[in-house]
PDB file of all heavy atoms in Angstrom:
ATOM      1  N   ASP A   1     151.983 170.653 174.847  1.00  0.00           N
ATOM      2  CA  ASP A   1     152.620 171.952 174.662  1.00  0.00           C
ATOM      3  C   ASP A   1     152.219 172.550 173.315  1.00  0.00           C
ATOM      4  O   ASP A   1     152.770 172.197 172.271  1.00  0.00           O
ATOM      5  CB  ASP A   1     154.142 171.806 174.746  1.00  0.00           C
ATOM      6  CG  ASP A   1     154.851 173.146 174.837  1.00  0.00           C
ATOM      7  OD1 ASP A   1     154.204 174.178 174.568  1.00  0.00           O
ATOM      8  OD2 ASP A   1     156.048 173.163 175.183  1.00  0.00           O
ATOM      9  N   TRP A   2     151.257 173.475 173.346  1.00  0.00           N
ATOM     10  CA  TRP A   2     150.774 174.102 172.119  1.00  0.00           C
ATOM     11  C   TRP A   2     151.671 175.251 171.665  1.00  0.00           C
ATOM     12  O   TRP A   2     151.398 175.873 170.641  1.00  0.00           O
ATOM     13  CB  TRP A   2     149.350 174.619 172.328  1.00  0.00           C
ATOM     14  CG  TRP A   2     148.341 173.531 172.508  1.00  0.00           C
ATOM     15  CD1 TRP A   2     148.555 172.185 172.445  1.00  0.00           C
ATOM     16  CD2 TRP A   2     146.950 173.704 172.774  1.00  0.00           C
ATOM     17  NE1 TRP A   2     147.386 171.496 172.651  1.00  0.00           N
ATOM     18  CE2 TRP A   2     146.377 172.406 172.886  1.00  0.00           C
ATOM     19  CE3 TRP A   2     146.123 174.807 172.952  1.00  0.00           C
ATOM     20  CZ2 TRP A   2     145.027 172.207 173.135  1.00  0.00           C
ATOM     21  CZ3 TRP A   2     144.777 174.616 173.211  1.00  0.00           C
ATOM     22  CH2 TRP A   2     144.229 173.327 173.297  1.00  0.00           C
ATOM     23  N   SER A   3     152.723 175.544 172.414  1.00  0.00           N
ATOM     24  CA  SER A   3     153.619 176.628 172.017  1.00  0.00           C
ATOM     25  C   SER A   3     154.571 176.196 170.902  1.00  0.00           C
ATOM     26  O   SER A   3     155.185 177.042 170.252  1.00  0.00           O
ATOM     27  CB  SER A   3     154.440 177.111 173.214  1.00  0.00           C
ATOM     28  OG  SER A   3     155.428 176.151 173.574  1.00  0.00           O
ATOM     29  N   LYS A   4     154.693 174.902 170.695  1.00  0.00           N
ATOM     30  CA  LYS A   4     155.627 174.398 169.691  1.00  0.00           C
ATOM     31  C   LYS A   4     155.061 174.579 168.284  1.00  0.00           C
ATOM     32  O   LYS A   4     153.880 174.816 168.086  1.00  0.00           O
ATOM     33  CB  LYS A   4     155.971 172.933 169.955  1.00  0.00           C
ATOM     34  CG  LYS A   4     156.552 172.680 171.338  1.00  0.00           C
ATOM     35  CD  LYS A   4     157.784 173.520 171.598  1.00  0.00           C
ATOM     36  CE  LYS A   4     158.386 173.239 172.965  1.00  0.00           C
ATOM     37  NZ  LYS A   4     159.522 174.143 173.265  1.00  0.00           N
ATOM     38  N   GLY A   5     155.940 174.436 167.300  1.00  0.00           N
ATOM     39  CA  GLY A   5     155.548 174.707 165.926  1.00  0.00           C
ATOM     40  C   GLY A   5     154.778 173.583 165.271  1.00  0.00           C
ATOM     41  O   GLY A   5     154.898 172.413 165.637  1.00  0.00           O
ATOM     42  N   ARG A   6     153.979 173.969 164.277  1.00  0.00           N
ATOM     43  CA  ARG A   6     153.256 172.982 163.472  1.00  0.00           C
ATOM     44  C   ARG A   6     152.996 173.582 162.098  1.00  0.00           C
ATOM     45  O   ARG A   6     152.499 174.712 161.990  1.00  0.00           O
ATOM     46  CB  ARG A   6     151.924 172.618 164.134  1.00  0.00           C
ATOM     47  CG  ARG A   6     151.136 171.564 163.347  1.00  0.00           C
ATOM     48  CD  ARG A   6     149.782 171.317 163.965  1.00  0.00           C
ATOM     49  NE  ARG A   6     148.985 170.413 163.141  1.00  0.00           N
ATOM     50  CZ  ARG A   6     147.649 170.438 163.092  1.00  0.00           C
ATOM     51  NH1 ARG A   6     146.983 171.315 163.821  1.00  0.00           N
ATOM     52  NH2 ARG A   6     146.993 169.587 162.338  1.00  0.00           N
ATOM     53  N   VAL A   7     153.378 172.849 161.062  1.00  0.00           N
ATOM     54  CA  VAL A   7     153.079 173.266 159.694  1.00  0.00           C
ATOM     55  C   VAL A   7     152.070 172.280 159.126  1.00  0.00           C
ATOM     56  O   VAL A   7     152.402 171.118 158.875  1.00  0.00           O
ATOM     57  CB  VAL A   7     154.343 173.292 158.816  1.00  0.00           C
ATOM     58  CG1 VAL A   7     153.985 173.749 157.399  1.00  0.00           C
ATOM     59  CG2 VAL A   7     155.398 174.214 159.413  1.00  0.00           C
ATOM     60  N   THR A   8     150.844 172.720 158.945  1.00  0.00           N
ATOM     61  CA  THR A   8     149.820 171.855 158.379  1.00  0.00           C
ATOM     62  C   THR A   8     150.012 171.753 156.868  1.00  0.00           C
ATOM     63  O   THR A   8     150.678 172.585 156.243  1.00  0.00           O
ATOM     64  CB  THR A   8     148.415 172.394 158.677  1.00  0.00           C
ATOM     65  OG1 THR A   8     148.254 173.660 158.009  1.00  0.00           O
ATOM     66  CG2 THR A   8     148.207 172.593 160.178  1.00  0.00           C
ATOM     67  N   ARG A   9     149.409 170.745 156.292  1.00  0.00           N
ATOM     68  CA  ARG A   9     149.475 170.599 154.835  1.00  0.00           C
ATOM     69  C   ARG A   9     148.813 171.801 154.151  1.00  0.00           C
ATOM     70  O   ARG A   9     149.277 172.267 153.108  1.00  0.00           O
ATOM     71  CB  ARG A   9     148.795 169.297 154.402  1.00  0.00           C
ATOM     72  CG  ARG A   9     149.572 168.060 154.831  1.00  0.00           C
ATOM     73  CD  ARG A   9     149.019 166.797 154.200  1.00  0.00           C
ATOM     74  NE  ARG A   9     149.801 165.632 154.597  1.00  0.00           N
ATOM     75  CZ  ARG A   9     150.914 165.242 154.003  1.00  0.00           C
ATOM     76  NH1 ARG A   9     151.390 165.934 152.978  1.00  0.00           N
ATOM     77  NH2 ARG A   9     151.560 164.164 154.428  1.00  0.00           N
ATOM     78  N   ARG A  10     147.737 172.297 154.749  1.00  0.00           N
ATOM     79  CA  ARG A  10     147.056 173.457 154.168  1.00  0.00           C
ATOM     80  C   ARG A  10     147.965 174.687 154.180  1.00  0.00           C
ATOM     81  O   ARG A  10     148.044 175.419 153.189  1.00  0.00           O
ATOM     82  CB  ARG A  10     145.767 173.737 154.937  1.00  0.00           C
ATOM     83  CG  ARG A  10     144.978 174.917 154.399  1.00  0.00           C
ATOM     84  CD  ARG A  10     143.696 175.096 155.190  1.00  0.00           C
ATOM     85  NE  ARG A  10     142.923 176.228 154.707  1.00  0.00           N
ATOM     86  CZ  ARG A  10     141.784 176.625 155.244  1.00  0.00           C
ATOM     87  NH1 ARG A  10     141.259 175.964 156.278  1.00  0.00           N
ATOM     88  NH2 ARG A  10     141.148 177.673 154.761  1.00  0.00           N
ATOM     89  N   ALA A  11     148.636 174.917 155.309  1.00  0.00           N
ATOM     90  CA  ALA A  11     149.533 176.065 155.401  1.00  0.00           C
ATOM     91  C   ALA A  11     150.680 175.946 154.407  1.00  0.00           C
ATOM     92  O   ALA A  11     151.046 176.925 153.734  1.00  0.00           O
ATOM     93  CB  ALA A  11     150.081 176.193 156.821  1.00  0.00           C
ATOM     94  N   LEU A  12     151.250 174.746 154.299  1.00  0.00           N
ATOM     95  CA  LEU A  12     152.349 174.537 153.358  1.00  0.00           C
ATOM     96  C   LEU A  12     151.879 174.718 151.921  1.00  0.00           C
ATOM     97  O   LEU A  12     152.556 175.362 151.105  1.00  0.00           O
ATOM     98  CB  LEU A  12     152.951 173.149 153.547  1.00  0.00           C
ATOM     99  CG  LEU A  12     154.097 172.784 152.613  1.00  0.00           C
ATOM    100  CD1 LEU A  12     155.255 173.769 152.727  1.00  0.00           C
ATOM    101  CD2 LEU A  12     154.573 171.363 152.883  1.00  0.00           C
ATOM    102  N   ASP A  13     150.704 174.181 151.593  1.00  0.00           N
ATOM    103  CA  ASP A  13     150.181 174.319 150.233  1.00  0.00           C
ATOM    104  C   ASP A  13     149.960 175.785 149.878  1.00  0.00           C
ATOM    105  O   ASP A  13     150.202 176.198 148.729  1.00  0.00           O
ATOM    106  CB  ASP A  13     148.875 173.539 150.083  1.00  0.00           C
ATOM    107  CG  ASP A  13     149.089 172.030 150.051  1.00  0.00           C
ATOM    108  OD1 ASP A  13     150.241 171.600 149.860  1.00  0.00           O
ATOM    109  OD2 ASP A  13     148.104 171.289 150.234  1.00  0.00           O
ATOM    110  N   THR A  14     149.489 176.582 150.838  1.00  0.00           N
ATOM    111  CA  THR A  14     149.272 178.011 150.597  1.00  0.00           C
ATOM    112  C   THR A  14     150.586 178.703 150.266  1.00  0.00           C
ATOM    113  O   THR A  14     150.677 179.511 149.330  1.00  0.00           O
ATOM    114  CB  THR A  14     148.627 178.672 151.822  1.00  0.00           C
ATOM    115  OG1 THR A  14     147.350 178.074 152.062  1.00  0.00           O
ATOM    116  CG2 THR A  14     148.447 180.165 151.622  1.00  0.00           C
ATOM    117  N   THR A  15     151.630 178.381 151.032  1.00  0.00           N
ATOM    118  CA  THR A  15     152.943 178.980 150.786  1.00  0.00           C
ATOM    119  C   THR A  15     153.514 178.529 149.450  1.00  0.00           C
ATOM    120  O   THR A  15     154.044 179.342 148.678  1.00  0.00           O
ATOM    121  CB  THR A  15     153.900 178.614 151.932  1.00  0.00           C
ATOM    122  OG1 THR A  15     153.398 179.172 153.154  1.00  0.00           O
ATOM    123  CG2 THR A  15     155.299 179.147 151.667  1.00  0.00           C
ATOM    124  N   LEU A  16     153.423 177.248 149.160  1.00  0.00           N
ATOM    125  CA  LEU A  16     153.969 176.739 147.899  1.00  0.00           C
ATOM    126  C   LEU A  16     153.237 177.333 146.698  1.00  0.00           C
ATOM    127  O   LEU A  16     153.858 177.643 145.668  1.00  0.00           O
ATOM    128  CB  LEU A  16     153.886 175.220 147.872  1.00  0.00           C
ATOM    129  CG  LEU A  16     154.711 174.484 148.936  1.00  0.00           C
ATOM    130  CD1 LEU A  16     154.519 172.976 148.802  1.00  0.00           C
ATOM    131  CD2 LEU A  16     156.182 174.857 148.850  1.00  0.00           C
ATOM    132  N   ALA A  17     151.921 177.513 146.810  1.00  0.00           N
ATOM    133  CA  ALA A  17     151.156 178.110 145.714  1.00  0.00           C
ATOM    134  C   ALA A  17     151.602 179.546 145.469  1.00  0.00           C
ATOM    135  O   ALA A  17     151.697 179.986 144.316  1.00  0.00           O
ATOM    136  CB  ALA A  17     149.658 178.057 146.027  1.00  0.00           C
ATOM    137  N   ALA A  18     151.876 180.291 146.561  1.00  0.00           N
ATOM    138  CA  ALA A  18     152.349 181.664 146.409  1.00  0.00           C
ATOM    139  C   ALA A  18     153.714 181.704 145.734  1.00  0.00           C
ATOM    140  O   ALA A  18     153.987 182.567 144.890  1.00  0.00           O
ATOM    141  CB  ALA A  18     152.399 182.346 147.778  1.00  0.00           C
ATOM    142  N   ILE A  19     154.581 180.755 146.094  1.00  0.00           N
ATOM    143  CA  ILE A  19     155.907 180.691 145.463  1.00  0.00           C
ATOM    144  C   ILE A  19     155.775 180.343 143.979  1.00  0.00           C
ATOM    145  O   ILE A  19     156.419 180.963 143.112  1.00  0.00           O
ATOM    146  CB  ILE A  19     156.797 179.659 146.185  1.00  0.00           C
ATOM    147  CG1 ILE A  19     157.094 180.118 147.615  1.00  0.00           C
ATOM    148  CG2 ILE A  19     158.096 179.429 145.416  1.00  0.00           C
ATOM    149  CD1 ILE A  19     157.812 179.083 148.458  1.00  0.00           C
ATOM    150  N   ASP A  20     154.919 179.374 143.683  1.00  0.00           N
ATOM    151  CA  ASP A  20     154.770 178.929 142.296  1.00  0.00           C
ATOM    152  C   ASP A  20     154.178 180.017 141.396  1.00  0.00           C
ATOM    153  O   ASP A  20     154.373 179.986 140.176  1.00  0.00           O
ATOM    154  CB  ASP A  20     153.886 177.680 142.240  1.00  0.00           C
ATOM    155  CG  ASP A  20     154.555 176.462 142.878  1.00  0.00           C
ATOM    156  OD1 ASP A  20     155.793 176.490 143.034  1.00  0.00           O
ATOM    157  OD2 ASP A  20     153.836 175.512 143.236  1.00  0.00           O
ATOM    158  N   ALA A  21     153.467 180.968 142.001  1.00  0.00           N
ATOM    159  CA  ALA A  21     152.849 182.040 141.218  1.00  0.00           C
ATOM    160  C   ALA A  21     153.811 183.177 140.898  1.00  0.00           C
ATOM    161  O   ALA A  21     153.472 184.071 140.119  1.00  0.00           O
ATOM    162  CB  ALA A  21     151.638 182.591 141.968  1.00  0.00           C
ATOM    163  N   LEU A  22     154.990 183.148 141.478  1.00  0.00           N
ATOM    164  CA  LEU A  22     155.958 184.229 141.256  1.00  0.00           C
ATOM    165  C   LEU A  22     156.619 184.096 139.890  1.00  0.00           C
ATOM    166  O   LEU A  22     156.732 182.996 139.347  1.00  0.00           O
ATOM    167  CB  LEU A  22     157.029 184.190 142.354  1.00  0.00           C
ATOM    168  CG  LEU A  22     156.546 184.504 143.771  1.00  0.00           C
ATOM    169  CD1 LEU A  22     157.641 184.182 144.793  1.00  0.00           C
ATOM    170  CD2 LEU A  22     156.135 185.970 143.891  1.00  0.00           C
ATOM    171  N   PRO A  23     157.089 185.206 139.326  1.00  0.00           N
ATOM    172  CA  PRO A  23     157.793 185.131 138.038  1.00  0.00           C
ATOM    173  C   PRO A  23     159.044 184.265 138.151  1.00  0.00           C
ATOM    174  O   PRO A  23     159.709 184.247 139.198  1.00  0.00           O
ATOM    175  CB  PRO A  23     158.156 186.594 137.760  1.00  0.00           C
ATOM    176  CG  PRO A  23     157.203 187.405 138.577  1.00  0.00           C
ATOM    177  CD  PRO A  23     156.923 186.591 139.803  1.00  0.00           C
ATOM    178  N   PRO A  24     159.383 183.537 137.116  1.00  0.00           N
ATOM    179  CA  PRO A  24     160.605 182.722 137.140  1.00  0.00           C
ATOM    180  C   PRO A  24     161.830 183.581 137.448  1.00  0.00           C
ATOM    181  O   PRO A  24     161.938 184.718 136.990  1.00  0.00           O
ATOM    182  CB  PRO A  24     160.679 182.157 135.714  1.00  0.00           C
ATOM    183  CG  PRO A  24     159.265 182.185 135.224  1.00  0.00           C
ATOM    184  CD  PRO A  24     158.641 183.392 135.849  1.00  0.00           C
ATOM    185  N   GLY A  25     162.735 183.015 138.239  1.00  0.00           N
ATOM    186  CA  GLY A  25     163.951 183.736 138.590  1.00  0.00           C
ATOM    187  C   GLY A  25     163.840 184.614 139.816  1.00  0.00           C
ATOM    188  O   GLY A  25     164.834 185.228 140.227  1.00  0.00           O
ATOM    189  N   THR A  26     162.644 184.676 140.431  1.00  0.00           N
ATOM    190  CA  THR A  26     162.477 185.487 141.632  1.00  0.00           C
ATOM    191  C   THR A  26     163.215 184.847 142.810  1.00  0.00           C
ATOM    192  O   THR A  26     163.097 183.648 143.059  1.00  0.00           O
ATOM    193  CB  THR A  26     160.988 185.627 141.994  1.00  0.00           C
ATOM    194  OG1 THR A  26     160.299 186.227 140.906  1.00  0.00           O
ATOM    195  CG2 THR A  26     160.806 186.480 143.254  1.00  0.00           C
ATOM    196  N   THR A  27     163.985 185.640 143.524  1.00  0.00           N
ATOM    197  CA  THR A  27     164.594 185.171 144.778  1.00  0.00           C
ATOM    198  C   THR A  27     163.518 185.154 145.848  1.00  0.00           C
ATOM    199  O   THR A  27     162.801 186.140 146.034  1.00  0.00           O
ATOM    200  CB  THR A  27     165.739 186.103 145.200  1.00  0.00           C
ATOM    201  OG1 THR A  27     166.741 186.114 144.181  1.00  0.00           O
ATOM    202  CG2 THR A  27     166.368 185.639 146.513  1.00  0.00           C
ATOM    203  N   VAL A  28     163.394 184.026 146.550  1.00  0.00           N
ATOM    204  CA  VAL A  28     162.311 183.854 147.513  1.00  0.00           C
ATOM    205  C   VAL A  28     162.865 183.671 148.920  1.00  0.00           C
ATOM    206  O   VAL A  28     163.740 182.828 149.156  1.00  0.00           O
ATOM    207  CB  VAL A  28     161.421 182.647 147.151  1.00  0.00           C
ATOM    208  CG1 VAL A  28     160.301 182.482 148.183  1.00  0.00           C
ATOM    209  CG2 VAL A  28     160.843 182.800 145.753  1.00  0.00           C
ATOM    210  N   LEU A  29     162.344 184.464 149.852  1.00  0.00           N
ATOM    211  CA  LEU A  29     162.546 184.257 151.277  1.00  0.00           C
ATOM    212  C   LEU A  29     161.209 183.866 151.889  1.00  0.00           C
ATOM    213  O   LEU A  29     160.178 184.470 151.566  1.00  0.00           O
ATOM    214  CB  LEU A  29     163.060 185.534 151.951  1.00  0.00           C
ATOM    215  CG  LEU A  29     164.429 186.051 151.500  1.00  0.00           C
ATOM    216  CD1 LEU A  29     164.732 187.386 152.157  1.00  0.00           C
ATOM    217  CD2 LEU A  29     165.525 185.041 151.837  1.00  0.00           C
ATOM    218  N   VAL A  30     161.204 182.865 152.746  1.00  0.00           N
ATOM    219  CA  VAL A  30     159.985 182.419 153.425  1.00  0.00           C
ATOM    220  C   VAL A  30     160.083 182.819 154.885  1.00  0.00           C
ATOM    221  O   VAL A  30     161.112 182.589 155.535  1.00  0.00           O
ATOM    222  CB  VAL A  30     159.803 180.895 153.281  1.00  0.00           C
ATOM    223  CG1 VAL A  30     158.654 180.399 154.154  1.00  0.00           C
ATOM    224  CG2 VAL A  30     159.559 180.528 151.817  1.00  0.00           C
ATOM    225  N   ALA A  31     159.018 183.430 155.404  1.00  0.00           N
ATOM    226  CA  ALA A  31     159.019 183.922 156.785  1.00  0.00           C
ATOM    227  C   ALA A  31     157.972 183.194 157.618  1.00  0.00           C
ATOM    228  O   ALA A  31     156.796 183.117 157.238  1.00  0.00           O
ATOM    229  CB  ALA A  31     158.742 185.430 156.808  1.00  0.00           C
ATOM    230  N   GLY A  32     158.399 182.636 158.748  1.00  0.00           N
ATOM    231  CA  GLY A  32     157.499 181.991 159.691  1.00  0.00           C
ATOM    232  C   GLY A  32     157.976 182.276 161.105  1.00  0.00           C
ATOM    233  O   GLY A  32     158.962 182.994 161.309  1.00  0.00           O
TER     234      GLY A  32
END
């Protein structure tokens, strides 16, 4: 069943890098 979700390490690293680049104190919402 390919309809189910999958978070690869690459996808997670991309999201975490974007969060880490934000100014301190920024409220973050993640959308998937």
